[in-house]
Amino acid sequence: MTDEIKADYVADARGSACPGPLLEAKKSMSKVKVGQIVEVRSNDPGTKRDLPIWVKKAGHEIIGIKEGTGFYSIFIRRKK
C-alpha cells in the first residue's frame, strides 16, 4: 500500500537524531496544502514512536509507514 503513496513534499531527516526529524516534519507542513502528503525519511528509531504522537496532537494523519534499506518513510496527510 505505501508503494502507491505519492508524497507532495519529502523531508529527508536521515542522519538527524531526535528532535531533528520531528522539527523537519513540523516545517514541512507549511510547504504543502491541506490534503497533501509529506514523506519524512528518518533512520532514527525514536522517530517511529515520536512522530505519530505529534501528528495526532497536531491534527494531521499518518497514512503509512514504509521500511526502507537503512531508513523508513512516514507518510503524513496535512489535515488543517
PDB file of N, CA and C in Angstrom:
ATOM      1  N   MET A   1       0.804  -1.192   0.000  1.00  0.00           N
ATOM      2  CA  MET A   1       0.000   0.000   0.000  1.00  0.00           C
ATOM      3  C   MET A   1       0.852   1.264   0.000  1.00  0.00           C
ATOM      4  N   THR A   2       1.922   1.303   0.810  1.00  0.00           N
ATOM      5  CA  THR A   2       2.743   2.509   0.861  1.00  0.00           C
ATOM      6  C   THR A   2       3.502   2.743  -0.439  1.00  0.00           C
ATOM      7  N   ASP A   3       3.680   1.693  -1.251  1.00  0.00           N
ATOM      8  CA  ASP A   3       4.344   1.883  -2.538  1.00  0.00           C
ATOM      9  C   ASP A   3       3.502   2.753  -3.466  1.00  0.00           C
ATOM     10  N   GLU A   4       2.213   2.821  -3.208  1.00  0.00           N
ATOM     11  CA  GLU A   4       1.317   3.599  -4.054  1.00  0.00           C
ATOM     12  C   GLU A   4       1.175   5.044  -3.578  1.00  0.00           C
ATOM     13  N   ILE A   5       1.686   5.376  -2.409  1.00  0.00           N
ATOM     14  CA  ILE A   5       1.566   6.732  -1.882  1.00  0.00           C
ATOM     15  C   ILE A   5       2.589   7.632  -2.563  1.00  0.00           C
ATOM     16  N   LYS A   6       2.116   8.749  -3.078  1.00  0.00           N
ATOM     17  CA  LYS A   6       2.997   9.729  -3.724  1.00  0.00           C
ATOM     18  C   LYS A   6       3.040  10.973  -2.860  1.00  0.00           C
ATOM     19  N   ALA A   7       4.209  11.296  -2.342  1.00  0.00           N
ATOM     20  CA  ALA A   7       4.361  12.462  -1.475  1.00  0.00           C
ATOM     21  C   ALA A   7       4.422  13.739  -2.312  1.00  0.00           C
ATOM     22  N   ASP A   8       3.828  14.792  -1.776  1.00  0.00           N
ATOM     23  CA  ASP A   8       3.905  16.109  -2.409  1.00  0.00           C
ATOM     24  C   ASP A   8       5.174  16.834  -1.975  1.00  0.00           C
ATOM     25  N   TYR A   9       5.722  16.419  -0.840  1.00  0.00           N
ATOM     26  CA  TYR A   9       6.968  17.001  -0.334  1.00  0.00           C
ATOM     27  C   TYR A   9       7.709  15.931   0.454  1.00  0.00           C
ATOM     28  N   VAL A  10       9.035  15.860   0.284  1.00  0.00           N
ATOM     29  CA  VAL A  10       9.856  14.887   1.010  1.00  0.00           C
ATOM     30  C   VAL A  10      10.793  15.633   1.951  1.00  0.00           C
ATOM     31  N   ALA A  11      10.720  15.301   3.229  1.00  0.00           N
ATOM     32  CA  ALA A  11      11.629  15.844   4.235  1.00  0.00           C
ATOM     33  C   ALA A  11      12.627  14.751   4.574  1.00  0.00           C
ATOM     34  N   ASP A  12      13.862  14.931   4.158  1.00  0.00           N
ATOM     35  CA  ASP A  12      14.882  13.914   4.382  1.00  0.00           C
ATOM     36  C   ASP A  12      15.637  14.241   5.669  1.00  0.00           C
ATOM     37  N   ALA A  13      15.292  13.544   6.745  1.00  0.00           N
ATOM     38  CA  ALA A  13      15.923  13.765   8.041  1.00  0.00           C
ATOM     39  C   ALA A  13      16.877  12.634   8.403  1.00  0.00           C
ATOM     40  N   ARG A  14      17.304  11.865   7.407  1.00  0.00           N
ATOM     41  CA  ARG A  14      18.251  10.781   7.676  1.00  0.00           C
ATOM     42  C   ARG A  14      19.547  11.374   8.207  1.00  0.00           C
ATOM     43  N   GLY A  15      20.110  10.744   9.226  1.00  0.00           N
ATOM     44  CA  GLY A  15      21.345  11.220   9.825  1.00  0.00           C
ATOM     45  C   GLY A  15      21.105  12.230  10.941  1.00  0.00           C
ATOM     46  N   SER A  16      19.857  12.588  11.155  1.00  0.00           N
ATOM     47  CA  SER A  16      19.494  13.542  12.193  1.00  0.00           C
ATOM     48  C   SER A  16      18.857  12.808  13.365  1.00  0.00           C
ATOM     49  N   ALA A  17      19.349  13.083  14.565  1.00  0.00           N
ATOM     50  CA  ALA A  17      18.781  12.453  15.760  1.00  0.00           C
ATOM     51  C   ALA A  17      17.640  13.305  16.292  1.00  0.00           C
ATOM     52  N   CYS A  18      16.825  12.717  17.130  1.00  0.00           N
ATOM     53  CA  CYS A  18      15.698  13.401  17.736  1.00  0.00           C
ATOM     54  C   CYS A  18      16.197  14.656  18.454  1.00  0.00           C
ATOM     55  N   PRO A  19      15.593  15.786  18.284  1.00  0.00           N
ATOM     56  CA  PRO A  19      14.287  16.045  17.682  1.00  0.00           C
ATOM     57  C   PRO A  19      14.332  16.474  16.221  1.00  0.00           C
ATOM     58  N   GLY A  20      15.457  16.270  15.541  1.00  0.00           N
ATOM     59  CA  GLY A  20      15.605  16.704  14.151  1.00  0.00           C
ATOM     60  C   GLY A  20      14.492  16.255  13.221  1.00  0.00           C
ATOM     61  N   PRO A  21      14.171  14.957  13.157  1.00  0.00           N
ATOM     62  CA  PRO A  21      13.105  14.516  12.261  1.00  0.00           C
ATOM     63  C   PRO A  21      11.741  15.137  12.588  1.00  0.00           C
ATOM     64  N   LEU A  22      11.472  15.327  13.863  1.00  0.00           N
ATOM     65  CA  LEU A  22      10.209  15.949  14.278  1.00  0.00           C
ATOM     66  C   LEU A  22      10.167  17.407  13.828  1.00  0.00           C
ATOM     67  N   LEU A  23      11.267  18.121  13.984  1.00  0.00           N
ATOM     68  CA  LEU A  23      11.318  19.515  13.538  1.00  0.00           C
ATOM     69  C   LEU A  23      11.160  19.607  12.018  1.00  0.00           C
ATOM     70  N   GLU A  24      11.767  18.676  11.291  1.00  0.00           N
ATOM     71  CA  GLU A  24      11.613  18.644   9.836  1.00  0.00           C
ATOM     72  C   GLU A  24      10.155  18.424   9.448  1.00  0.00           C
ATOM     73  N   ALA A  25       9.490  17.528  10.161  1.00  0.00           N
ATOM     74  CA  ALA A  25       8.077  17.261   9.883  1.00  0.00           C
ATOM     75  C   ALA A  25       7.244  18.510  10.112  1.00  0.00           C
ATOM     76  N   LYS A  26       7.486  19.206  11.211  1.00  0.00           N
ATOM     77  CA  LYS A  26       6.743  20.428  11.523  1.00  0.00           C
ATOM     78  C   LYS A  26       6.943  21.475  10.437  1.00  0.00           C
ATOM     79  N   LYS A  27       8.205  21.697  10.022  1.00  0.00           N
ATOM     80  CA  LYS A  27       8.495  22.678   8.965  1.00  0.00           C
ATOM     81  C   LYS A  27       7.837  22.284   7.658  1.00  0.00           C
ATOM     82  N   SER A  28       7.810  21.008   7.375  1.00  0.00           N
ATOM     83  CA  SER A  28       7.295  20.513   6.101  1.00  0.00           C
ATOM     84  C   SER A  28       5.803  20.765   5.926  1.00  0.00           C
ATOM     85  N   MET A  29       5.065  20.800   7.018  1.00  0.00           N
ATOM     86  CA  MET A  29       3.616  21.024   6.933  1.00  0.00           C
ATOM     87  C   MET A  29       3.296  22.370   6.304  1.00  0.00           C
ATOM     88  N   SER A  30       4.188  23.352   6.471  1.00  0.00           N
ATOM     89  CA  SER A  30       3.941  24.673   5.887  1.00  0.00           C
ATOM     90  C   SER A  30       4.256  24.701   4.391  1.00  0.00           C
ATOM     91  N   LYS A  31       4.868  23.655   3.888  1.00  0.00           N
ATOM     92  CA  LYS A  31       5.252  23.594   2.475  1.00  0.00           C
ATOM     93  C   LYS A  31       4.213  22.900   1.599  1.00  0.00           C
ATOM     94  N   VAL A  32       3.179  22.330   2.227  1.00  0.00           N
ATOM     95  CA  VAL A  32       2.128  21.648   1.470  1.00  0.00           C
ATOM     96  C   VAL A  32       0.766  22.224   1.844  1.00  0.00           C
ATOM     97  N   LYS A  33      -0.194  22.010   0.970  1.00  0.00           N
ATOM     98  CA  LYS A  33      -1.560  22.457   1.216  1.00  0.00           C
ATOM     99  C   LYS A  33      -2.323  21.387   1.989  1.00  0.00           C
ATOM    100  N   VAL A  34      -3.439  21.793   2.582  1.00  0.00           N
ATOM    101  CA  VAL A  34      -4.311  20.844   3.282  1.00  0.00           C
ATOM    102  C   VAL A  34      -4.699  19.735   2.299  1.00  0.00           C
ATOM    103  N   GLY A  35      -4.583  18.492   2.742  1.00  0.00           N
ATOM    104  CA  GLY A  35      -4.901  17.336   1.908  1.00  0.00           C
ATOM    105  C   GLY A  35      -3.688  16.736   1.219  1.00  0.00           C
ATOM    106  N   GLN A  36      -2.596  17.483   1.162  1.00  0.00           N
ATOM    107  CA  GLN A  36      -1.393  16.961   0.517  1.00  0.00           C
ATOM    108  C   GLN A  36      -0.585  16.122   1.504  1.00  0.00           C
ATOM    109  N   ILE A  37       0.415  15.418   0.976  1.00  0.00           N
ATOM    110  CA  ILE A  37       1.165  14.427   1.751  1.00  0.00           C
ATOM    111  C   ILE A  37       2.636  14.803   1.868  1.00  0.00           C
ATOM    112  N   VAL A  38       3.143  14.696   3.094  1.00  0.00           N
ATOM    113  CA  VAL A  38       4.563  14.867   3.376  1.00  0.00           C
ATOM    114  C   VAL A  38       5.139  13.493   3.707  1.00  0.00           C
ATOM    115  N   GLU A  39       6.296  13.206   3.138  1.00  0.00           N
ATOM    116  CA  GLU A  39       7.034  11.987   3.480  1.00  0.00           C
ATOM    117  C   GLU A  39       8.239  12.399   4.310  1.00  0.00           C
ATOM    118  N   VAL A  40       8.350  11.865   5.521  1.00  0.00           N
ATOM    119  CA  VAL A  40       9.502  12.129   6.379  1.00  0.00           C
ATOM    120  C   VAL A  40      10.363  10.884   6.370  1.00  0.00           C
ATOM    121  N   ARG A  41      11.603  11.036   5.909  1.00  0.00           N
ATOM    122  CA  ARG A  41      12.556   9.920   5.898  1.00  0.00           C
ATOM    123  C   ARG A  41      13.484  10.049   7.091  1.00  0.00           C
ATOM    124  N   SER A  42      13.645   8.969   7.824  1.00  0.00           N
ATOM    125  CA  SER A  42      14.476   9.006   9.029  1.00  0.00           C
ATOM    126  C   SER A  42      15.099   7.646   9.293  1.00  0.00           C
ATOM    127  N   ASN A  43      16.285   7.688   9.886  1.00  0.00           N
ATOM    128  CA  ASN A  43      16.899   6.440  10.350  1.00  0.00           C
ATOM    129  C   ASN A  43      17.074   6.459  11.870  1.00  0.00           C
ATOM    130  N   ASP A  44      16.436   7.428  12.530  1.00  0.00           N
ATOM    131  CA  ASP A  44      16.441   7.488  13.989  1.00  0.00           C
ATOM    132  C   ASP A  44      15.266   6.669  14.506  1.00  0.00           C
ATOM    133  N   PRO A  45      15.531   5.579  15.257  1.00  0.00           N
ATOM    134  CA  PRO A  45      14.441   4.699  15.691  1.00  0.00           C
ATOM    135  C   PRO A  45      13.376   5.394  16.535  1.00  0.00           C
ATOM    136  N   GLY A  46      13.726   6.456  17.248  1.00  0.00           N
ATOM    137  CA  GLY A  46      12.758   7.161  18.069  1.00  0.00           C
ATOM    138  C   GLY A  46      11.690   7.877  17.253  1.00  0.00           C
ATOM    139  N   THR A  47      11.996   8.195  16.020  1.00  0.00           N
ATOM    140  CA  THR A  47      11.053   8.931  15.168  1.00  0.00           C
ATOM    141  C   THR A  47       9.783   8.128  14.929  1.00  0.00           C
ATOM    142  N   LYS A  48       9.940   6.825  14.766  1.00  0.00           N
ATOM    143  CA  LYS A  48       8.775   5.975  14.506  1.00  0.00           C
ATOM    144  C   LYS A  48       7.803   5.966  15.680  1.00  0.00           C
ATOM    145  N   ARG A  49       8.301   6.241  16.857  1.00  0.00           N
ATOM    146  CA  ARG A  49       7.467   6.311  18.053  1.00  0.00           C
ATOM    147  C   ARG A  49       6.956   7.739  18.279  1.00  0.00           C
ATOM    148  N   ASP A  50       7.850   8.723  18.139  1.00  0.00           N
ATOM    149  CA  ASP A  50       7.529  10.112  18.476  1.00  0.00           C
ATOM    150  C   ASP A  50       6.685  10.835  17.428  1.00  0.00           C
ATOM    151  N   LEU A  51       6.962  10.589  16.167  1.00  0.00           N
ATOM    152  CA  LEU A  51       6.268  11.330  15.110  1.00  0.00           C
ATOM    153  C   LEU A  51       4.758  11.070  15.106  1.00  0.00           C
ATOM    154  N   PRO A  52       4.299   9.826  15.240  1.00  0.00           N
ATOM    155  CA  PRO A  52       2.851   9.611  15.285  1.00  0.00           C
ATOM    156  C   PRO A  52       2.160  10.346  16.443  1.00  0.00           C
ATOM    157  N   ILE A  53       2.853  10.492  17.573  1.00  0.00           N
ATOM    158  CA  ILE A  53       2.280  11.226  18.702  1.00  0.00           C
ATOM    159  C   ILE A  53       2.081  12.693  18.314  1.00  0.00           C
ATOM    160  N   TRP A  54       3.106  13.294  17.722  1.00  0.00           N
ATOM    161  CA  TRP A  54       2.988  14.688  17.293  1.00  0.00           C
ATOM    162  C   TRP A  54       1.915  14.850  16.219  1.00  0.00           C
ATOM    163  N   VAL A  55       1.883  13.940  15.248  1.00  0.00           N
ATOM    164  CA  VAL A  55       0.903  14.021  14.154  1.00  0.00           C
ATOM    165  C   VAL A  55      -0.515  14.050  14.719  1.00  0.00           C
ATOM    166  N   LYS A  56      -0.789  13.186  15.672  1.00  0.00           N
ATOM    167  CA  LYS A  56      -2.128  13.136  16.274  1.00  0.00           C
ATOM    168  C   LYS A  56      -2.441  14.430  17.017  1.00  0.00           C
ATOM    169  N   LYS A  57      -1.479  14.920  17.817  1.00  0.00           N
ATOM    170  CA  LYS A  57      -1.675  16.162  18.565  1.00  0.00           C
ATOM    171  C   LYS A  57      -1.884  17.350  17.635  1.00  0.00           C
ATOM    172  N   ALA A  58      -1.188  17.355  16.509  1.00  0.00           N
ATOM    173  CA  ALA A  58      -1.263  18.473  15.566  1.00  0.00           C
ATOM    174  C   ALA A  58      -2.509  18.403  14.685  1.00  0.00           C
ATOM    175  N   GLY A  59      -3.208  17.268  14.727  1.00  0.00           N
ATOM    176  CA  GLY A  59      -4.440  17.135  13.956  1.00  0.00           C
ATOM    177  C   GLY A  59      -4.244  16.675  12.526  1.00  0.00           C
ATOM    178  N   HIS A  60      -3.089  16.089  12.243  1.00  0.00           N
ATOM    179  CA  HIS A  60      -2.825  15.539  10.913  1.00  0.00           C
ATOM    180  C   HIS A  60      -3.083  14.033  10.939  1.00  0.00           C
ATOM    181  N   GLU A  61      -2.676  13.328   9.882  1.00  0.00           N
ATOM    182  CA  GLU A  61      -2.979  11.897   9.793  1.00  0.00           C
ATOM    183  C   GLU A  61      -1.798  11.119   9.212  1.00  0.00           C
ATOM    184  N   ILE A  62      -1.395  10.060   9.894  1.00  0.00           N
ATOM    185  CA  ILE A  62      -0.384   9.137   9.350  1.00  0.00           C
ATOM    186  C   ILE A  62      -1.120   8.204   8.396  1.00  0.00           C
ATOM    187  N   ILE A  63      -0.667   8.163   7.155  1.00  0.00           N
ATOM    188  CA  ILE A  63      -1.339   7.282   6.195  1.00  0.00           C
ATOM    189  C   ILE A  63      -0.493   6.072   5.824  1.00  0.00           C
ATOM    190  N   GLY A  64       0.726   6.013   6.360  1.00  0.00           N
ATOM    191  CA  GLY A  64       1.539   4.836   6.110  1.00  0.00           C
ATOM    192  C   GLY A  64       2.958   4.987   6.607  1.00  0.00           C
ATOM    193  N   ILE A  65       3.576   3.868   6.907  1.00  0.00           N
ATOM    194  CA  ILE A  65       4.993   3.815   7.274  1.00  0.00           C
ATOM    195  C   ILE A  65       5.626   2.726   6.426  1.00  0.00           C
ATOM    196  N   LYS A  66       6.688   3.090   5.733  1.00  0.00           N
ATOM    197  CA  LYS A  66       7.359   2.152   4.829  1.00  0.00           C
ATOM    198  C   LYS A  66       8.787   1.926   5.313  1.00  0.00           C
ATOM    199  N   GLU A  67       9.156   0.664   5.475  1.00  0.00           N
ATOM    200  CA  GLU A  67      10.522   0.307   5.858  1.00  0.00           C
ATOM    201  C   GLU A  67      11.381   0.295   4.601  1.00  0.00           C
ATOM    202  N   GLY A  68      12.462   1.072   4.632  1.00  0.00           N
ATOM    203  CA  GLY A  68      13.395   1.076   3.514  1.00  0.00           C
ATOM    204  C   GLY A  68      14.678   0.375   3.924  1.00  0.00           C
ATOM    205  N   THR A  69      15.711   0.511   3.119  1.00  0.00           N
ATOM    206  CA  THR A  69      17.006  -0.071   3.440  1.00  0.00           C
ATOM    207  C   THR A  69      17.787   0.942   4.266  1.00  0.00           C
ATOM    208  N   GLY A  70      17.845   0.718   5.575  1.00  0.00           N
ATOM    209  CA  GLY A  70      18.582   1.610   6.457  1.00  0.00           C
ATOM    210  C   GLY A  70      17.792   2.822   6.930  1.00  0.00           C
ATOM    211  N   PHE A  71      16.569   2.960   6.502  1.00  0.00           N
ATOM    212  CA  PHE A  71      15.732   4.063   6.949  1.00  0.00           C
ATOM    213  C   PHE A  71      14.275   3.691   6.725  1.00  0.00           C
ATOM    214  N   TYR A  72      13.390   4.530   7.162  1.00  0.00           N
ATOM    215  CA  TYR A  72      11.971   4.326   6.905  1.00  0.00           C
ATOM    216  C   TYR A  72      11.338   5.651   6.534  1.00  0.00           C
ATOM    217  N   SER A  73      10.189   5.576   5.898  1.00  0.00           N
ATOM    218  CA  SER A  73       9.438   6.752   5.476  1.00  0.00           C
ATOM    219  C   SER A  73       8.100   6.753   6.203  1.00  0.00           C
ATOM    220  N   ILE A  74       7.760   7.905   6.750  1.00  0.00           N
ATOM    221  CA  ILE A  74       6.473   8.094   7.394  1.00  0.00           C
ATOM    222  C   ILE A  74       5.696   9.081   6.543  1.00  0.00           C
ATOM    223  N   PHE A  75       4.507   8.666   6.104  1.00  0.00           N
ATOM    224  CA  PHE A  75       3.681   9.500   5.228  1.00  0.00           C
ATOM    225  C   PHE A  75       2.601  10.166   6.057  1.00  0.00           C
ATOM    226  N   ILE A  76       2.531  11.492   5.967  1.00  0.00           N
ATOM    227  CA  ILE A  76       1.609  12.288   6.771  1.00  0.00           C
ATOM    228  C   ILE A  76       0.724  13.123   5.851  1.00  0.00           C
ATOM    229  N   ARG A  77      -0.581  13.039   6.047  1.00  0.00           N
ATOM    230  CA  ARG A  77      -1.509  13.894   5.297  1.00  0.00           C
ATOM    231  C   ARG A  77      -1.803  15.131   6.159  1.00  0.00           C
ATOM    232  N   ARG A  78      -1.591  16.315   5.562  1.00  0.00           N
ATOM    233  CA  ARG A  78      -1.925  17.556   6.267  1.00  0.00           C
ATOM    234  C   ARG A  78      -3.446  17.692   6.318  1.00  0.00           C
ATOM    235  N   LYS A  79      -3.977  17.867   7.519  1.00  0.00           N
ATOM    236  CA  LYS A  79      -5.432  17.932   7.702  1.00  0.00           C
ATOM    237  C   LYS A  79      -5.948  19.334   7.996  1.00  0.00           C
ATOM    238  N   LYS A  80      -5.056  20.260   8.359  1.00  0.00           N
ATOM    239  CA  LYS A  80      -5.523  21.623   8.641  1.00  0.00           C
ATOM    240  C   LYS A  80      -4.452  22.627   8.350  1.00  0.00           C
TER     241      LYS A  80
END
